[in-house]
Amino acid sequence: MLEDGFRSHRYSDIVGNLRDNGFLTAEDVRKLLKEYTTTQKITFDCIDDEKAKIVSEALIDNYNRSRS
């Protein structure tokens, strides 16, 4: 999902990378970032379950990459 070697501490970069790799649309990213700035929480209510799972897995993968 995320590009090899990619890692970031910014949520917008992570979802942008997923968009660049074809997993999310620009509209998905807009919705996710709007939801995040409004609630200050990462929520997936604004996208379908399949895409929510992709974002969730990418966040976990990014966390593991950042830890090592």
C-alpha atoms as a PDB file:
ATOM      1  CA  MET A   1       0.000   0.000   0.000  1.00  0.00           C
ATOM      2  CA  LEU A   2       2.503   2.619   1.121  1.00  0.00           C
ATOM      3  CA  GLU A   3       5.547   3.110  -1.067  1.00  0.00           C
ATOM      4  CA  ASP A   4       8.628   1.138  -0.042  1.00  0.00           C
ATOM      5  CA  GLY A   5      10.602   3.076   2.531  1.00  0.00           C
ATOM      6  CA  PHE A   6       7.850   5.661   2.994  1.00  0.00           C
ATOM      7  CA  ARG A   7       7.095   6.825   6.522  1.00  0.00           C
ATOM      8  CA  SER A   8       5.730  10.024   7.952  1.00  0.00           C
ATOM      9  CA  HIS A   9       4.432  11.474  11.189  1.00  0.00           C
ATOM     10  CA  ARG A  10       1.785  13.442   9.269  1.00  0.00           C
ATOM     11  CA  TYR A  11      -1.624  11.901   8.610  1.00  0.00           C
ATOM     12  CA  SER A  12      -2.057  14.022   5.471  1.00  0.00           C
ATOM     13  CA  ASP A  13       1.157  12.589   3.995  1.00  0.00           C
ATOM     14  CA  ILE A  14       0.039   9.025   4.677  1.00  0.00           C
ATOM     15  CA  VAL A  15      -3.375   9.398   3.039  1.00  0.00           C
ATOM     16  CA  GLY A  16      -1.742  11.368   0.211  1.00  0.00           C
ATOM     17  CA  ASN A  17       0.637   8.475  -0.398  1.00  0.00           C
ATOM     18  CA  LEU A  18      -2.330   6.089  -0.541  1.00  0.00           C
ATOM     19  CA  ARG A  19      -3.972   8.411  -3.096  1.00  0.00           C
ATOM     20  CA  ASP A  20      -0.787   8.552  -5.171  1.00  0.00           C
ATOM     21  CA  ASN A  21      -0.653   4.752  -5.208  1.00  0.00           C
ATOM     22  CA  GLY A  22      -4.297   4.434  -6.332  1.00  0.00           C
ATOM     23  CA  PHE A  23      -5.853   3.170  -3.092  1.00  0.00           C
ATOM     24  CA  LEU A  24      -7.841   6.361  -2.385  1.00  0.00           C
ATOM     25  CA  THR A  25      -9.391   9.023  -4.564  1.00  0.00           C
ATOM     26  CA  ALA A  26      -8.770  12.730  -4.126  1.00  0.00           C
ATOM     27  CA  GLU A  27     -12.337  12.958  -2.769  1.00  0.00           C
ATOM     28  CA  ASP A  28     -11.599  10.245  -0.178  1.00  0.00           C
ATOM     29  CA  VAL A  29      -8.544  12.157   0.994  1.00  0.00           C
ATOM     30  CA  ARG A  30     -10.504  15.411   1.169  1.00  0.00           C
ATOM     31  CA  LYS A  31     -13.198  13.755   3.284  1.00  0.00           C
ATOM     32  CA  LEU A  32     -10.686  12.095   5.619  1.00  0.00           C
ATOM     33  CA  LEU A  33      -8.725  15.290   6.167  1.00  0.00           C
ATOM     34  CA  LYS A  34     -11.870  17.369   6.667  1.00  0.00           C
ATOM     35  CA  GLU A  35     -13.108  14.861   9.254  1.00  0.00           C
ATOM     36  CA  TYR A  36      -9.733  14.905  10.988  1.00  0.00           C
ATOM     37  CA  THR A  37      -9.528  18.703  11.166  1.00  0.00           C
ATOM     38  CA  THR A  38     -13.116  18.938  12.386  1.00  0.00           C
ATOM     39  CA  THR A  39     -12.958  16.266  15.098  1.00  0.00           C
ATOM     40  CA  GLN A  40      -9.194  16.093  15.783  1.00  0.00           C
ATOM     41  CA  LYS A  41      -9.623  12.310  15.568  1.00  0.00           C
ATOM     42  CA  ILE A  42      -8.887   9.804  12.863  1.00  0.00           C
ATOM     43  CA  THR A  43     -12.263   8.356  11.907  1.00  0.00           C
ATOM     44  CA  PHE A  44     -13.446   6.446   8.885  1.00  0.00           C
ATOM     45  CA  ASP A  45     -17.168   7.263   8.932  1.00  0.00           C
ATOM     46  CA  CYS A  46     -16.882   9.184   5.671  1.00  0.00           C
ATOM     47  CA  ILE A  47     -15.438   6.321   3.536  1.00  0.00           C
ATOM     48  CA  ASP A  48     -16.493   2.753   2.835  1.00  0.00           C
ATOM     49  CA  ASP A  49     -15.302  -0.181   4.949  1.00  0.00           C
ATOM     50  CA  GLU A  50     -12.841  -1.501   2.364  1.00  0.00           C
ATOM     51  CA  LYS A  51     -11.020   1.823   2.116  1.00  0.00           C
ATOM     52  CA  ALA A  52     -11.172   2.265   5.895  1.00  0.00           C
ATOM     53  CA  LYS A  53      -9.361  -1.050   6.272  1.00  0.00           C
ATOM     54  CA  ILE A  54      -6.689   0.072   3.796  1.00  0.00           C
ATOM     55  CA  VAL A  55      -6.093   3.331   5.674  1.00  0.00           C
ATOM     56  CA  SER A  56      -6.050   1.540   9.005  1.00  0.00           C
ATOM     57  CA  GLU A  57      -3.484  -1.009   7.777  1.00  0.00           C
ATOM     58  CA  ALA A  58      -1.363   1.767   6.263  1.00  0.00           C
ATOM     59  CA  LEU A  59      -1.375   3.669   9.569  1.00  0.00           C
ATOM     60  CA  ILE A  60      -0.255   0.548  11.410  1.00  0.00           C
ATOM     61  CA  ASP A  61       2.420  -0.150   8.794  1.00  0.00           C
ATOM     62  CA  ASN A  62       3.622   3.454   9.003  1.00  0.00           C
ATOM     63  CA  TYR A  63       3.781   3.222  12.810  1.00  0.00           C
ATOM     64  CA  ASN A  64       5.865   0.048  12.618  1.00  0.00           C
ATOM     65  CA  ARG A  65       8.226   1.637  10.071  1.00  0.00           C
ATOM     66  CA  SER A  66       8.639   4.724  12.243  1.00  0.00           C
ATOM     67  CA  ARG A  67       9.366   2.675  15.346  1.00  0.00           C
ATOM     68  CA  SER A  68      12.269   0.784  13.828  1.00  0.00           C
END
